[in-house]
Amino acid sequence: MTITGNEDHNITLAEASEMTGNYRNANPAGKLGFAFGKTAIQDILNQPNCTGIRIYFGQTNAGERNLIVTGVDVNGNDLYNGNLAEYCLPSPPDNSAVNPLNS
Protein backbone atom coordinates (compact mmCIF):
# COMPACT_ATOMS: atom_id res chain seq x y z
CA MET A 1 0.00 0.00 0.00
CA THR A 2 1.27 3.44 -0.90
CA ILE A 3 0.04 6.56 0.89
CA THR A 4 1.00 9.69 -1.00
CA GLY A 5 -0.96 12.17 1.10
CA ASN A 6 -3.14 13.06 -1.89
CA GLU A 7 -5.74 10.28 -1.59
CA ASP A 8 -9.35 11.28 -2.22
CA HIS A 9 -11.34 10.81 0.99
CA ASN A 10 -14.20 13.11 0.04
CA ILE A 11 -17.72 12.17 1.08
CA THR A 12 -20.95 14.09 0.62
CA LEU A 13 -22.82 15.48 3.60
CA ALA A 14 -25.74 13.18 2.75
CA GLU A 15 -23.46 10.11 2.81
CA ALA A 16 -21.79 11.22 6.05
CA SER A 17 -25.16 11.96 7.67
CA GLU A 18 -26.48 8.52 6.70
CA MET A 19 -23.38 6.77 8.04
CA THR A 20 -23.39 8.64 11.37
CA GLY A 21 -27.13 7.97 11.66
CA ASN A 22 -26.54 4.26 11.07
CA TYR A 23 -23.94 4.28 13.84
CA ARG A 24 -26.22 6.14 16.28
CA ASN A 25 -29.02 3.65 15.59
CA ALA A 26 -26.73 0.67 16.21
CA ASN A 27 -25.12 2.24 19.31
CA PRO A 28 -27.78 4.36 21.02
CA ALA A 29 -25.85 4.71 24.29
CA GLY A 30 -22.38 4.98 22.74
CA LYS A 31 -20.06 7.87 22.06
CA LEU A 32 -20.91 9.69 18.86
CA GLY A 33 -17.42 10.91 18.09
CA PHE A 34 -14.18 12.35 19.35
CA ALA A 35 -12.43 15.66 18.76
CA PHE A 36 -8.71 16.45 18.62
CA GLY A 37 -7.03 19.84 18.73
CA LYS A 38 -5.30 21.16 15.62
CA THR A 39 -1.85 21.23 17.23
CA ALA A 40 -1.91 17.51 18.08
CA ILE A 41 -2.82 16.57 14.51
CA GLN A 42 -0.41 19.10 12.97
CA ASP A 43 2.45 17.80 15.15
CA ILE A 44 1.82 14.30 13.83
CA LEU A 45 1.62 15.46 10.20
CA ASN A 46 4.78 17.59 10.53
CA GLN A 47 6.97 14.57 11.39
CA PRO A 48 9.65 13.62 8.85
CA ASN A 49 8.36 11.10 6.28
CA CYS A 50 4.71 11.48 7.40
CA THR A 51 2.27 11.32 4.47
CA GLY A 52 -0.96 10.68 6.40
CA ILE A 53 -2.51 9.47 9.63
CA ARG A 54 -3.96 6.23 10.92
CA ILE A 55 -6.57 6.11 13.67
CA TYR A 56 -6.75 3.08 15.93
CA PHE A 57 -9.65 2.22 18.18
CA GLY A 58 -8.60 2.02 21.83
CA GLN A 59 -10.09 1.39 25.23
CA THR A 60 -8.94 2.56 28.64
CA ASN A 61 -8.53 0.18 31.57
CA ALA A 62 -11.83 1.62 32.84
CA GLY A 63 -13.57 0.46 29.64
CA GLU A 64 -13.96 3.87 27.95
CA ARG A 65 -13.57 3.86 24.16
CA ASN A 66 -11.08 6.25 22.60
CA LEU A 67 -8.99 6.79 19.50
CA ILE A 68 -5.21 6.68 19.03
CA VAL A 69 -3.76 8.72 16.15
CA THR A 70 -0.36 8.01 14.59
CA GLY A 71 1.39 9.24 11.49
CA VAL A 72 2.05 6.90 8.58
CA ASP A 73 4.74 6.93 5.94
CA VAL A 74 4.47 6.47 2.17
CA ASN A 75 4.48 2.67 2.62
CA GLY A 76 1.62 2.77 5.13
CA ASN A 77 3.87 2.02 8.09
CA ASP A 78 2.97 3.58 11.43
CA LEU A 79 5.36 6.22 12.76
CA TYR A 80 4.78 4.86 16.27
CA ASN A 81 8.07 6.19 17.66
CA GLY A 82 6.98 9.72 16.83
CA ASN A 83 4.10 11.85 18.03
CA LEU A 84 0.92 10.05 18.98
CA ALA A 85 -2.41 11.57 19.97
CA GLU A 86 -5.12 10.41 22.34
CA TYR A 87 -6.97 11.98 25.22
CA CYS A 88 -9.50 13.12 22.66
CA LEU A 89 -12.63 14.98 23.65
CA PRO A 90 -15.55 12.51 23.58
CA SER A 91 -18.99 13.37 22.29
CA PRO A 92 -20.99 13.31 24.50
CA PRO A 93 -20.34 15.27 26.66
CA ASP A 94 -18.28 17.54 24.36
CA ASN A 95 -20.95 17.82 21.65
CA SER A 96 -21.23 20.08 18.65
CA ALA A 97 -24.38 22.09 18.07
CA VAL A 98 -27.10 20.00 16.41
CA ASN A 99 -26.24 19.34 12.76
CA PRO A 100 -26.73 16.62 10.07
CA LEU A 101 -23.82 14.57 11.46
CA ASN A 102 -25.09 14.25 15.03
CA SER A 103 -28.87 14.33 14.94
PDB file of N, CA and C in Angstrom:
ATOM      1  N   MET A   1       0.843  -1.167   0.000  1.00  0.00           N
ATOM      2  CA  MET A   1       0.000   0.000   0.000  1.00  0.00           C
ATOM      3  C   MET A   1       0.889   1.231   0.000  1.00  0.00           C
ATOM      4  N   THR A   2       0.561   2.177  -0.841  1.00  0.00           N
ATOM      5  CA  THR A   2       1.270   3.443  -0.896  1.00  0.00           C
ATOM      6  C   THR A   2       0.330   4.555  -0.456  1.00  0.00           C
ATOM      7  N   ILE A   3       0.805   5.406   0.436  1.00  0.00           N
ATOM      8  CA  ILE A   3       0.038   6.560   0.891  1.00  0.00           C
ATOM      9  C   ILE A   3       0.817   7.802   0.503  1.00  0.00           C
ATOM     10  N   THR A   4       0.303   8.518  -0.481  1.00  0.00           N
ATOM     11  CA  THR A   4       0.998   9.694  -0.999  1.00  0.00           C
ATOM     12  C   THR A   4       0.665  10.965  -0.235  1.00  0.00           C
ATOM     13  N   GLY A   5      -0.475  10.966   0.446  1.00  0.00           N
ATOM     14  CA  GLY A   5      -0.957  12.173   1.096  1.00  0.00           C
ATOM     15  C   GLY A   5      -1.973  12.906   0.241  1.00  0.00           C
ATOM     16  N   ASN A   6      -2.193  12.423  -0.967  1.00  0.00           N
ATOM     17  CA  ASN A   6      -3.137  13.064  -1.887  1.00  0.00           C
ATOM     18  C   ASN A   6      -4.338  12.178  -2.205  1.00  0.00           C
ATOM     19  N   GLU A   7      -4.612  11.179  -1.364  1.00  0.00           N
ATOM     20  CA  GLU A   7      -5.741  10.285  -1.587  1.00  0.00           C
ATOM     21  C   GLU A   7      -7.054  11.064  -1.481  1.00  0.00           C
ATOM     22  N   ASP A   8      -8.037  10.626  -2.238  1.00  0.00           N
ATOM     23  CA  ASP A   8      -9.351  11.280  -2.223  1.00  0.00           C
ATOM     24  C   ASP A   8     -10.219  10.610  -1.164  1.00  0.00           C
ATOM     25  N   HIS A   9     -10.499  11.325  -0.092  1.00  0.00           N
ATOM     26  CA  HIS A   9     -11.336  10.812   0.993  1.00  0.00           C
ATOM     27  C   HIS A   9     -12.645  11.579   1.081  1.00  0.00           C
ATOM     28  N   ASN A  10     -12.996  12.288   0.022  1.00  0.00           N
ATOM     29  CA  ASN A  10     -14.200  13.111   0.035  1.00  0.00           C
ATOM     30  C   ASN A  10     -15.449  12.258   0.175  1.00  0.00           C
ATOM     31  N   ILE A  11     -16.425  12.798   0.892  1.00  0.00           N
ATOM     32  CA  ILE A  11     -17.717  12.172   1.078  1.00  0.00           C
ATOM     33  C   ILE A  11     -18.736  13.302   1.099  1.00  0.00           C
ATOM     34  N   THR A  12     -19.923  13.047   0.601  1.00  0.00           N
ATOM     35  CA  THR A  12     -20.948  14.089   0.619  1.00  0.00           C
ATOM     36  C   THR A  12     -21.539  14.181   2.025  1.00  0.00           C
ATOM     37  N   LEU A  13     -22.149  15.313   2.315  1.00  0.00           N
ATOM     38  CA  LEU A  13     -22.816  15.477   3.597  1.00  0.00           C
ATOM     39  C   LEU A  13     -23.933  14.459   3.752  1.00  0.00           C
ATOM     40  N   ALA A  14     -24.663  14.174   2.683  1.00  0.00           N
ATOM     41  CA  ALA A  14     -25.740  13.181   2.745  1.00  0.00           C
ATOM     42  C   ALA A  14     -25.192  11.802   3.111  1.00  0.00           C
ATOM     43  N   GLU A  15     -24.074  11.404   2.493  1.00  0.00           N
ATOM     44  CA  GLU A  15     -23.460  10.108   2.813  1.00  0.00           C
ATOM     45  C   GLU A  15     -22.975  10.078   4.259  1.00  0.00           C
ATOM     46  N   ALA A  16     -22.312  11.152   4.688  1.00  0.00           N
ATOM     47  CA  ALA A  16     -21.792  11.219   6.054  1.00  0.00           C
ATOM     48  C   ALA A  16     -22.934  11.195   7.063  1.00  0.00           C
ATOM     49  N   SER A  17     -24.001  11.920   6.787  1.00  0.00           N
ATOM     50  CA  SER A  17     -25.156  11.959   7.674  1.00  0.00           C
ATOM     51  C   SER A  17     -25.792  10.577   7.791  1.00  0.00           C
ATOM     52  N   GLU A  18     -25.921   9.873   6.674  1.00  0.00           N
ATOM     53  CA  GLU A  18     -26.480   8.520   6.697  1.00  0.00           C
ATOM     54  C   GLU A  18     -25.597   7.579   7.519  1.00  0.00           C
ATOM     55  N   MET A  19     -24.297   7.664   7.322  1.00  0.00           N
ATOM     56  CA  MET A  19     -23.383   6.773   8.044  1.00  0.00           C
ATOM     57  C   MET A  19     -23.385   7.051   9.542  1.00  0.00           C
ATOM     58  N   THR A  20     -23.370   8.334   9.936  1.00  0.00           N
ATOM     59  CA  THR A  20     -23.392   8.636  11.369  1.00  0.00           C
ATOM     60  C   THR A  20     -24.741   8.255  11.973  1.00  0.00           C
ATOM     61  N   GLY A  21     -25.811   8.404  11.197  1.00  0.00           N
ATOM     62  CA  GLY A  21     -27.129   7.968  11.657  1.00  0.00           C
ATOM     63  C   GLY A  21     -27.185   6.464  11.851  1.00  0.00           C
ATOM     64  N   ASN A  22     -26.604   5.716  10.929  1.00  0.00           N
ATOM     65  CA  ASN A  22     -26.541   4.259  11.074  1.00  0.00           C
ATOM     66  C   ASN A  22     -25.806   3.873  12.359  1.00  0.00           C
ATOM     67  N   TYR A  23     -24.715   4.574  12.631  1.00  0.00           N
ATOM     68  CA  TYR A  23     -23.940   4.280  13.841  1.00  0.00           C
ATOM     69  C   TYR A  23     -24.752   4.598  15.093  1.00  0.00           C
ATOM     70  N   ARG A  24     -25.409   5.768  15.117  1.00  0.00           N
ATOM     71  CA  ARG A  24     -26.221   6.136  16.283  1.00  0.00           C
ATOM     72  C   ARG A  24     -27.324   5.120  16.523  1.00  0.00           C
ATOM     73  N   ASN A  25     -27.954   4.642  15.449  1.00  0.00           N
ATOM     74  CA  ASN A  25     -29.023   3.654  15.587  1.00  0.00           C
ATOM     75  C   ASN A  25     -28.511   2.326  16.127  1.00  0.00           C
ATOM     76  N   ALA A  26     -27.308   1.939  15.745  1.00  0.00           N
ATOM     77  CA  ALA A  26     -26.727   0.673  16.207  1.00  0.00           C
ATOM     78  C   ALA A  26     -26.101   0.784  17.593  1.00  0.00           C
ATOM     79  N   ASN A  27     -25.791   2.005  18.023  1.00  0.00           N
ATOM     80  CA  ASN A  27     -25.117   2.238  19.307  1.00  0.00           C
ATOM     81  C   ASN A  27     -25.793   3.393  20.044  1.00  0.00           C
ATOM     82  N   PRO A  28     -27.041   3.228  20.459  1.00  0.00           N
ATOM     83  CA  PRO A  28     -27.781   4.358  21.024  1.00  0.00           C
ATOM     84  C   PRO A  28     -27.176   4.953  22.292  1.00  0.00           C
ATOM     85  N   ALA A  29     -26.437   4.181  23.047  1.00  0.00           N
ATOM     86  CA  ALA A  29     -25.851   4.711  24.287  1.00  0.00           C
ATOM     87  C   ALA A  29     -24.361   4.990  24.137  1.00  0.00           C
ATOM     88  N   GLY A  30     -23.820   4.842  22.935  1.00  0.00           N
ATOM     89  CA  GLY A  30     -22.382   4.980  22.737  1.00  0.00           C
ATOM     90  C   GLY A  30     -21.943   6.406  22.478  1.00  0.00           C
ATOM     91  N   LYS A  31     -20.637   6.576  22.428  1.00  0.00           N
ATOM     92  CA  LYS A  31     -20.057   7.867  22.056  1.00  0.00           C
ATOM     93  C   LYS A  31     -20.319   8.106  20.586  1.00  0.00           C
ATOM     94  N   LEU A  32     -20.627   9.341  20.247  1.00  0.00           N
ATOM     95  CA  LEU A  32     -20.910   9.688  18.856  1.00  0.00           C
ATOM     96  C   LEU A  32     -19.654  10.011  18.082  1.00  0.00           C
ATOM     97  N   GLY A  33     -18.643  10.520  18.759  1.00  0.00           N
ATOM     98  CA  GLY A  33     -17.419  10.906  18.085  1.00  0.00           C
ATOM     99  C   GLY A  33     -16.401  11.416  19.076  1.00  0.00           C
ATOM    100  N   PHE A  34     -15.275  11.834  18.548  1.00  0.00           N
ATOM    101  CA  PHE A  34     -14.183  12.350  19.354  1.00  0.00           C
ATOM    102  C   PHE A  34     -13.568  13.532  18.621  1.00  0.00           C
ATOM    103  N   ALA A  35     -13.079  14.504  19.362  1.00  0.00           N
ATOM    104  CA  ALA A  35     -12.426  15.661  18.763  1.00  0.00           C
ATOM    105  C   ALA A  35     -10.978  15.740  19.219  1.00  0.00           C
ATOM    106  N   PHE A  36     -10.117  16.211  18.322  1.00  0.00           N
ATOM    107  CA  PHE A  36      -8.709  16.450  18.617  1.00  0.00           C
ATOM    108  C   PHE A  36      -8.389  17.898  18.281  1.00  0.00           C
ATOM    109  N   GLY A  37      -7.493  18.484  19.030  1.00  0.00           N
ATOM    110  CA  GLY A  37      -7.033  19.839  18.726  1.00  0.00           C
ATOM    111  C   GLY A  37      -6.125  19.849  17.506  1.00  0.00           C
ATOM    112  N   LYS A  38      -6.099  20.971  16.835  1.00  0.00           N
ATOM    113  CA  LYS A  38      -5.301  21.158  15.617  1.00  0.00           C
ATOM    114  C   LYS A  38      -3.820  20.911  15.852  1.00  0.00           C
ATOM    115  N   THR A  39      -3.286  21.371  16.976  1.00  0.00           N
ATOM    116  CA  THR A  39      -1.850  21.230  17.234  1.00  0.00           C
ATOM    117  C   THR A  39      -1.441  19.768  17.307  1.00  0.00           C
ATOM    118  N   ALA A  40      -2.246  18.940  17.966  1.00  0.00           N
ATOM    119  CA  ALA A  40      -1.911  17.512  18.077  1.00  0.00           C
ATOM    120  C   ALA A  40      -1.836  16.863  16.702  1.00  0.00           C
ATOM    121  N   ILE A  41      -2.812  17.153  15.854  1.00  0.00           N
ATOM    122  CA  ILE A  41      -2.824  16.569  14.506  1.00  0.00           C
ATOM    123  C   ILE A  41      -1.700  17.154  13.655  1.00  0.00           C
ATOM    124  N   GLN A  42      -1.477  18.460  13.751  1.00  0.00           N
ATOM    125  CA  GLN A  42      -0.411  19.096  12.968  1.00  0.00           C
ATOM    126  C   GLN A  42       0.959  18.577  13.384  1.00  0.00           C
ATOM    127  N   ASP A  43       1.174  18.356  14.685  1.00  0.00           N
ATOM    128  CA  ASP A  43       2.450  17.802  15.151  1.00  0.00           C
ATOM    129  C   ASP A  43       2.708  16.421  14.556  1.00  0.00           C
ATOM    130  N   ILE A  44       1.670  15.623  14.447  1.00  0.00           N
ATOM    131  CA  ILE A  44       1.817  14.297  13.829  1.00  0.00           C
ATOM    132  C   ILE A  44       2.150  14.450  12.351  1.00  0.00           C
ATOM    133  N   LEU A  45       1.407  15.292  11.636  1.00  0.00           N
ATOM    134  CA  LEU A  45       1.619  15.461  10.200  1.00  0.00           C
ATOM    135  C   LEU A  45       2.959  16.109   9.862  1.00  0.00           C
ATOM    136  N   ASN A  46       3.499  16.904  10.772  1.00  0.00           N
ATOM    137  CA  ASN A  46       4.776  17.588  10.526  1.00  0.00           C
ATOM    138  C   ASN A  46       6.000  16.705  10.741  1.00  0.00           C
ATOM    139  N   GLN A  47       5.824  15.466  11.174  1.00  0.00           N
ATOM    140  CA  GLN A  47       6.965  14.575  11.390  1.00  0.00           C
ATOM    141  C   GLN A  47       7.644  14.243  10.058  1.00  0.00           C
ATOM    142  N   PRO A  48       8.963  14.031  10.074  1.00  0.00           N
ATOM    143  CA  PRO A  48       9.646  13.620   8.851  1.00  0.00           C
ATOM    144  C   PRO A  48       9.034  12.330   8.302  1.00  0.00           C
ATOM    145  N   ASN A  49       8.865  12.264   7.005  1.00  0.00           N
ATOM    146  CA  ASN A  49       8.358  11.097   6.281  1.00  0.00           C
ATOM    147  C   ASN A  49       6.873  10.816   6.494  1.00  0.00           C
ATOM    148  N   CYS A  50       6.141  11.696   7.166  1.00  0.00           N
ATOM    149  CA  CYS A  50       4.713  11.481   7.397  1.00  0.00           C
ATOM    150  C   CYS A  50       3.925  11.923   6.168  1.00  0.00           C
ATOM    151  N   THR A  51       3.106  10.998   5.625  1.00  0.00           N
ATOM    152  CA  THR A  51       2.267  11.317   4.474  1.00  0.00           C
ATOM    153  C   THR A  51       0.784  11.175   4.786  1.00  0.00           C
ATOM    154  N   GLY A  52       0.448  10.820   6.020  1.00  0.00           N
ATOM    155  CA  GLY A  52      -0.956  10.676   6.401  1.00  0.00           C
ATOM    156  C   GLY A  52      -1.065  10.259   7.855  1.00  0.00           C
ATOM    157  N   ILE A  53      -2.289   9.930   8.261  1.00  0.00           N
ATOM    158  CA  ILE A  53      -2.506   9.475   9.631  1.00  0.00           C
ATOM    159  C   ILE A  53      -3.301   8.173   9.623  1.00  0.00           C
ATOM    160  N   ARG A  54      -3.149   7.418  10.678  1.00  0.00           N
ATOM    161  CA  ARG A  54      -3.962   6.225  10.922  1.00  0.00           C
ATOM    162  C   ARG A  54      -4.597   6.414  12.292  1.00  0.00           C
ATOM    163  N   ILE A  55      -5.845   6.000  12.409  1.00  0.00           N
ATOM    164  CA  ILE A  55      -6.567   6.110  13.669  1.00  0.00           C
ATOM    165  C   ILE A  55      -6.934   4.708  14.133  1.00  0.00           C
ATOM    166  N   TYR A  56      -6.447   4.371  15.318  1.00  0.00           N
ATOM    167  CA  TYR A  56      -6.748   3.080  15.927  1.00  0.00           C
ATOM    168  C   TYR A  56      -7.849   3.250  16.963  1.00  0.00           C
ATOM    169  N   PHE A  57      -8.701   2.251  17.088  1.00  0.00           N
ATOM    170  CA  PHE A  57      -9.654   2.217  18.183  1.00  0.00           C
ATOM    171  C   PHE A  57      -8.898   1.783  19.427  1.00  0.00           C
ATOM    172  N   GLY A  58      -9.228   2.381  20.562  1.00  0.00           N
ATOM    173  CA  GLY A  58      -8.603   2.017  21.826  1.00  0.00           C
ATOM    174  C   GLY A  58      -9.643   1.959  22.927  1.00  0.00           C
ATOM    175  N   GLN A  59      -9.219   1.461  24.067  1.00  0.00           N
ATOM    176  CA  GLN A  59     -10.087   1.390  25.230  1.00  0.00           C
ATOM    177  C   GLN A  59      -9.233   1.524  26.475  1.00  0.00           C
ATOM    178  N   THR A  60      -9.670   2.371  27.392  1.00  0.00           N
ATOM    179  CA  THR A  60      -8.939   2.556  28.640  1.00  0.00           C
ATOM    180  C   THR A  60      -9.148   1.349  29.541  1.00  0.00           C
ATOM    181  N   ASN A  61      -8.356   1.252  30.598  1.00  0.00           N
ATOM    182  CA  ASN A  61      -8.534   0.178  31.571  1.00  0.00           C
ATOM    183  C   ASN A  61      -9.896   0.258  32.260  1.00  0.00           C
ATOM    184  N   ALA A  62     -10.501   1.446  32.253  1.00  0.00           N
ATOM    185  CA  ALA A  62     -11.833   1.624  32.841  1.00  0.00           C
ATOM    186  C   ALA A  62     -12.947   1.276  31.844  1.00  0.00           C
ATOM    187  N   GLY A  63     -12.580   0.881  30.619  1.00  0.00           N
ATOM    188  CA  GLY A  63     -13.565   0.461  29.636  1.00  0.00           C
ATOM    189  C   GLY A  63     -14.087   1.558  28.730  1.00  0.00           C
ATOM    190  N   GLU A  64     -13.524   2.770  28.811  1.00  0.00           N
ATOM    191  CA  GLU A  64     -13.959   3.873  27.954  1.00  0.00           C
ATOM    192  C   GLU A  64     -13.298   3.769  26.580  1.00  0.00           C
ATOM    193  N   ARG A  65     -14.102   3.881  25.524  1.00  0.00           N
ATOM    194  CA  ARG A  65     -13.565   3.864  24.162  1.00  0.00           C
ATOM    195  C   ARG A  65     -12.837   5.161  23.876  1.00  0.00           C
ATOM    196  N   ASN A  66     -11.812   5.072  23.039  1.00  0.00           N
ATOM    197  CA  ASN A  66     -11.085   6.254  22.597  1.00  0.00           C
ATOM    198  C   ASN A  66     -10.429   5.965  21.257  1.00  0.00           C
ATOM    199  N   LEU A  67      -9.697   6.921  20.758  1.00  0.00           N
ATOM    200  CA  LEU A  67      -8.986   6.787  19.498  1.00  0.00           C
ATOM    201  C   LEU A  67      -7.522   7.122  19.719  1.00  0.00           C
ATOM    202  N   ILE A  68      -6.646   6.421  19.011  1.00  0.00           N
ATOM    203  CA  ILE A  68      -5.208   6.679  19.032  1.00  0.00           C
ATOM    204  C   ILE A  68      -4.820   7.081  17.607  1.00  0.00           C
ATOM    205  N   VAL A  69      -4.148   8.221  17.461  1.00  0.00           N
ATOM    206  CA  VAL A  69      -3.757   8.723  16.146  1.00  0.00           C
ATOM    207  C   VAL A  69      -2.244   8.644  16.014  1.00  0.00           C
ATOM    208  N   THR A  70      -1.782   8.083  14.901  1.00  0.00           N
ATOM    209  CA  THR A  70      -0.360   8.012  14.588  1.00  0.00           C
ATOM    210  C   THR A  70      -0.142   8.459  13.153  1.00  0.00           C
ATOM    211  N   GLY A  71       1.032   8.938  12.866  1.00  0.00           N
ATOM    212  CA  GLY A  71       1.387   9.242  11.491  1.00  0.00           C
ATOM    213  C   GLY A  71       1.715   7.960  10.746  1.00  0.00           C
ATOM    214  N   VAL A  72       1.626   8.012   9.428  1.00  0.00           N
ATOM    215  CA  VAL A  72       2.045   6.896   8.580  1.00  0.00           C
ATOM    216  C   VAL A  72       2.954   7.420   7.481  1.00  0.00           C
ATOM    217  N   ASP A  73       3.838   6.547   7.020  1.00  0.00           N
ATOM    218  CA  ASP A  73       4.745   6.930   5.936  1.00  0.00           C
ATOM    219  C   ASP A  73       4.178   6.505   4.584  1.00  0.00           C
ATOM    220  N   VAL A  74       4.916   6.749   3.529  1.00  0.00           N
ATOM    221  CA  VAL A  74       4.471   6.471   2.169  1.00  0.00           C
ATOM    222  C   VAL A  74       4.136   4.995   1.955  1.00  0.00           C
ATOM    223  N   ASN A  75       4.747   4.103   2.733  1.00  0.00           N
ATOM    224  CA  ASN A  75       4.483   2.672   2.620  1.00  0.00           C
ATOM    225  C   ASN A  75       3.354   2.204   3.520  1.00  0.00           C
ATOM    226  N   GLY A  76       2.711   3.137   4.235  1.00  0.00           N
ATOM    227  CA  GLY A  76       1.617   2.774   5.127  1.00  0.00           C
ATOM    228  C   GLY A  76       2.067   2.278   6.480  1.00  0.00           C
ATOM    229  N   ASN A  77       3.352   2.447   6.786  1.00  0.00           N
ATOM    230  CA  ASN A  77       3.871   2.017   8.089  1.00  0.00           C
ATOM    231  C   ASN A  77       3.622   3.085   9.139  1.00  0.00           C
ATOM    232  N   ASP A  78       3.206   2.654  10.328  1.00  0.00           N
ATOM    233  CA  ASP A  78       2.968   3.580  11.430  1.00  0.00           C
ATOM    234  C   ASP A  78       4.270   4.219  11.893  1.00  0.00           C
ATOM    235  N   LEU A  79       4.219   5.505  12.177  1.00  0.00           N
ATOM    236  CA  LEU A  79       5.360   6.224  12.758  1.00  0.00           C
ATOM    237  C   LEU A  79       5.174   6.232  14.282  1.00  0.00           C
ATOM    238  N   TYR A  80       5.134   5.041  14.856  1.00  0.00           N
ATOM    239  CA  TYR A  80       4.784   4.857  16.274  1.00  0.00           C
ATOM    240  C   TYR A  80       5.831   5.381  17.239  1.00  0.00           C
ATOM    241  N   ASN A  81       7.044   5.628  16.778  1.00  0.00           N
ATOM    242  CA  ASN A  81       8.070   6.194  17.659  1.00  0.00           C
ATOM    243  C   ASN A  81       8.021   7.713  17.671  1.00  0.00           C
ATOM    244  N   GLY A  82       7.129   8.271  16.890  1.00  0.00           N
ATOM    245  CA  GLY A  82       6.977   9.721  16.829  1.00  0.00           C
ATOM    246  C   GLY A  82       5.836  10.192  17.705  1.00  0.00           C
ATOM    247  N   ASN A  83       5.228  11.288  17.287  1.00  0.00           N
ATOM    248  CA  ASN A  83       4.104  11.853  18.032  1.00  0.00           C
ATOM    249  C   ASN A  83       2.874  10.981  17.860  1.00  0.00           C
ATOM    250  N   LEU A  84       2.191  10.762  18.967  1.00  0.00           N
ATOM    251  CA  LEU A  84       0.916  10.050  18.984  1.00  0.00           C
ATOM    252  C   LEU A  84      -0.107  10.970  19.636  1.00  0.00           C
ATOM    253  N   ALA A  85      -1.365  10.768  19.329  1.00  0.00           N
ATOM    254  CA  ALA A  85      -2.413  11.566  19.972  1.00  0.00           C
ATOM    255  C   ALA A  85      -3.477  10.649  20.536  1.00  0.00           C
ATOM    256  N   GLU A  86      -3.970  11.022  21.700  1.00  0.00           N
ATOM    257  CA  GLU A  86      -5.120  10.406  22.341  1.00  0.00           C
ATOM    258  C   GLU A  86      -5.708  11.460  23.245  1.00  0.00           C
ATOM    259  N   TYR A  87      -6.308  11.045  24.311  1.00  0.00           N
ATOM    260  CA  TYR A  87      -6.967  11.979  25.223  1.00  0.00           C
ATOM    261  C   TYR A  87      -7.849  12.939  24.434  1.00  0.00           C
ATOM    262  N   CYS A  88      -8.585  12.348  23.486  1.00  0.00           N
ATOM    263  CA  CYS A  88      -9.500  13.124  22.661  1.00  0.00           C
ATOM    264  C   CYS A  88     -10.708  13.547  23.498  1.00  0.00           C
ATOM    265  N   LEU A  89     -11.456  14.467  22.971  1.00  0.00           N
ATOM    266  CA  LEU A  89     -12.634  14.983  23.652  1.00  0.00           C
ATOM    267  C   LEU A  89     -13.843  14.198  23.164  1.00  0.00           C
ATOM    268  N   PRO A  90     -14.449  13.356  24.025  1.00  0.00           N
ATOM    269  CA  PRO A  90     -15.546  12.505  23.583  1.00  0.00           C
ATOM    270  C   PRO A  90     -16.859  13.272  23.442  1.00  0.00           C
ATOM    271  N   SER A  91     -17.662  12.800  22.512  1.00  0.00           N
ATOM    272  CA  SER A  91     -18.987  13.366  22.286  1.00  0.00           C
ATOM    273  C   SER A  91     -20.011  12.255  22.454  1.00  0.00           C
ATOM    274  N   PRO A  92     -20.927  12.331  23.430  1.00  0.00           N
ATOM    275  CA  PRO A  92     -20.988  13.315  24.501  1.00  0.00           C
ATOM    276  C   PRO A  92     -19.906  13.088  25.547  1.00  0.00           C
ATOM    277  N   PRO A  93     -19.613  14.044  26.389  1.00  0.00           N
ATOM    278  CA  PRO A  93     -20.340  15.269  26.662  1.00  0.00           C
ATOM    279  C   PRO A  93     -19.902  16.463  25.814  1.00  0.00           C
ATOM    280  N   ASP A  94     -18.772  16.388  25.136  1.00  0.00           N
ATOM    281  CA  ASP A  94     -18.281  17.538  24.361  1.00  0.00           C
ATOM    282  C   ASP A  94     -18.910  17.539  22.970  1.00  0.00           C
ATOM    283  N   ASN A  95     -20.197  17.882  22.900  1.00  0.00           N
ATOM    284  CA  ASN A  95     -20.945  17.815  21.651  1.00  0.00           C
ATOM    285  C   ASN A  95     -20.873  19.096  20.842  1.00  0.00           C
ATOM    286  N   SER A  96     -21.038  18.950  19.555  1.00  0.00           N
ATOM    287  CA  SER A  96     -21.226  20.079  18.647  1.00  0.00           C
ATOM    288  C   SER A  96     -22.689  20.511  18.745  1.00  0.00           C
ATOM    289  N   ALA A  97     -22.989  21.699  18.242  1.00  0.00           N
ATOM    290  CA  ALA A  97     -24.381  22.088  18.073  1.00  0.00           C
ATOM    291  C   ALA A  97     -25.057  21.079  17.144  1.00  0.00           C
ATOM    292  N   VAL A  98     -26.360  20.944  17.234  1.00  0.00           N
ATOM    293  CA  VAL A  98     -27.096  19.997  16.407  1.00  0.00           C
ATOM    294  C   VAL A  98     -26.834  20.284  14.927  1.00  0.00           C
ATOM    295  N   ASN A  99     -26.515  19.217  14.183  1.00  0.00           N
ATOM    296  CA  ASN A  99     -26.239  19.338  12.755  1.00  0.00           C
ATOM    297  C   ASN A  99     -26.515  17.990  12.089  1.00  0.00           C
ATOM    298  N   PRO A 100     -26.405  17.881  10.762  1.00  0.00           N
ATOM    299  CA  PRO A 100     -26.733  16.623  10.073  1.00  0.00           C
ATOM    300  C   PRO A 100     -25.846  15.443  10.471  1.00  0.00           C
ATOM    301  N   LEU A 101     -24.697  15.674  11.078  1.00  0.00           N
ATOM    302  CA  LEU A 101     -23.820  14.568  11.459  1.00  0.00           C
ATOM    303  C   LEU A 101     -24.137  13.999  12.836  1.00  0.00           C
ATOM    304  N   ASN A 102     -24.884  14.723  13.659  1.00  0.00           N
ATOM    305  CA  ASN A 102     -25.088  14.250  15.029  1.00  0.00           C
ATOM    306  C   ASN A 102     -26.541  14.204  15.470  1.00  0.00           C
ATOM    307  N   SER A 103     -27.465  14.360  14.532  1.00  0.00           N
ATOM    308  CA  SER A 103     -28.870  14.331  14.941  1.00  0.00           C
ATOM    309  C   SER A 103     -29.736  13.630  13.910  1.00  0.00           C
TER     310      SER A 103
END
